[in-house]
Amino acid sequence: MQFIDQAEVEVQGGNGGDGLVAFRREKYVPAGGPSGGNGGHGGSVIFVAVERLQTLLDFRYARVFKADDGERGGIKNMTGASGSDRVVEVPCGTVIYNAKTEEILGDLVEPGQTCCVAKGGKGGLGNKAFLSNRNRAPERALPGLPGEVWSLRLELKLLAEVGIIGLPNAGKSTLISSLSAARPKVADYPFTTLVPNLGVVRKPTGDGTVFADIPGLIEGAHLGTGLGHDFLRHIERTRVLLHLIDVTTEDPIAAYTTIQAELSAYGRGLEHRPQIVAINKIDALASDDALPEAIAAQLQRLTADPIFIISAVARTGLEPMLQKVWQILEEKNEADRTELEMETSMAAGAESIFATRSLT
């Protein structure tokens, strides 16, 4: 399956039905009066997030989405049927932009979350609505209003709690395949990973945590260099970054600083995201080689982030690293719960003060 994370579409709300000019004609009703019904409302285009979709591939083949028009008003004051809404399924994590203004119209994260992107037009009034004491037989009705038409840009940002980052060939795909059931392409050349890969890693409690293997970043990625710049957006939603460094590379410290510079240049808070640094591929060294410890000592002078020495292939040192991941995630979850409780408490206090002032 192709991984498509950007698409442009056009959405059109249904047009409202026209109002009707009609008069009541019954045998025993000599002055029946106007009886033209109103037109039905046009349907709306609604995007809904679903879990079963992982890509925007469907939008490469279908680019125009139109809701049904409302029907014309009927005789005997009957309102025309409203047009059916057009419900369009998108993957969870889809951000909807106005293609012209770049305004964010919706950010669909939770399954079932919806966003109305194009409202249908209102139905026109029938001549019954124009009855008055001065005009007992109005011959006027209004046409239905057109539905909204918008050009939209869809952008998918993967929902993963842990993002695996690093230079090309740092071992990111090997790591996610060792930790989960994901089976990305693994090879000994750079840019093996061309699209993000997701894998679910089980906690000791049995819960699953989604890890994302992000294509390799290189210097200048935030400016459009290499492949990684197209996928930097996918780590915006991650809560923890797992930074892999290839111990066999020519300059591991330069590799670390390059990625940190790209995160800072990209912005959006990535440079402040909690990180775990993992020095990978120690299986390629002799068992008595002190190089990993020397690199770790140098990195400790640059960062306070926890540093681990691992081998994704041999699965060495993975358990202590995962324990640290679970600890950071639990701390963030606890902080989120505390913040939510404080906000709820403050809102309840404000309502109580407002109610007291209203009574006095």
Foldseek 3Di string as FASTA:
>chain_A
DDAAFKAKAKEFWAWWAWWAWDFDDDDPCPQRFTFIAWWAWTAFEKEFAAAVDDHPVVCVPHRYYYWHHTHYTDGRHRYTHYTHHHYHYDHAQKWKAQPPPRDTQDGGHDGGDMGGDKGTWHTKGYCVVVDDPVPRHDRDIGHTGTIDMTMMMMGGADAFQEEEAFAFQLCLQLQLVLQFVDHQDDDNDGQSDQAKDWGWGADPVGDTGIYIYAHGDFACLCVPPDRRVSRPSNCLNYQEYEYGFELPDPDRVVRVVRVLVSLVVNDSCSNVRAYEYEYEDCVVDDPPDCSVVVVVVVVVVVDVHHYFYAYSNVGPGPVVVVVVVVVSVVVVVVVVVVVVVVVVVVVVVVVVVVVVVVVD
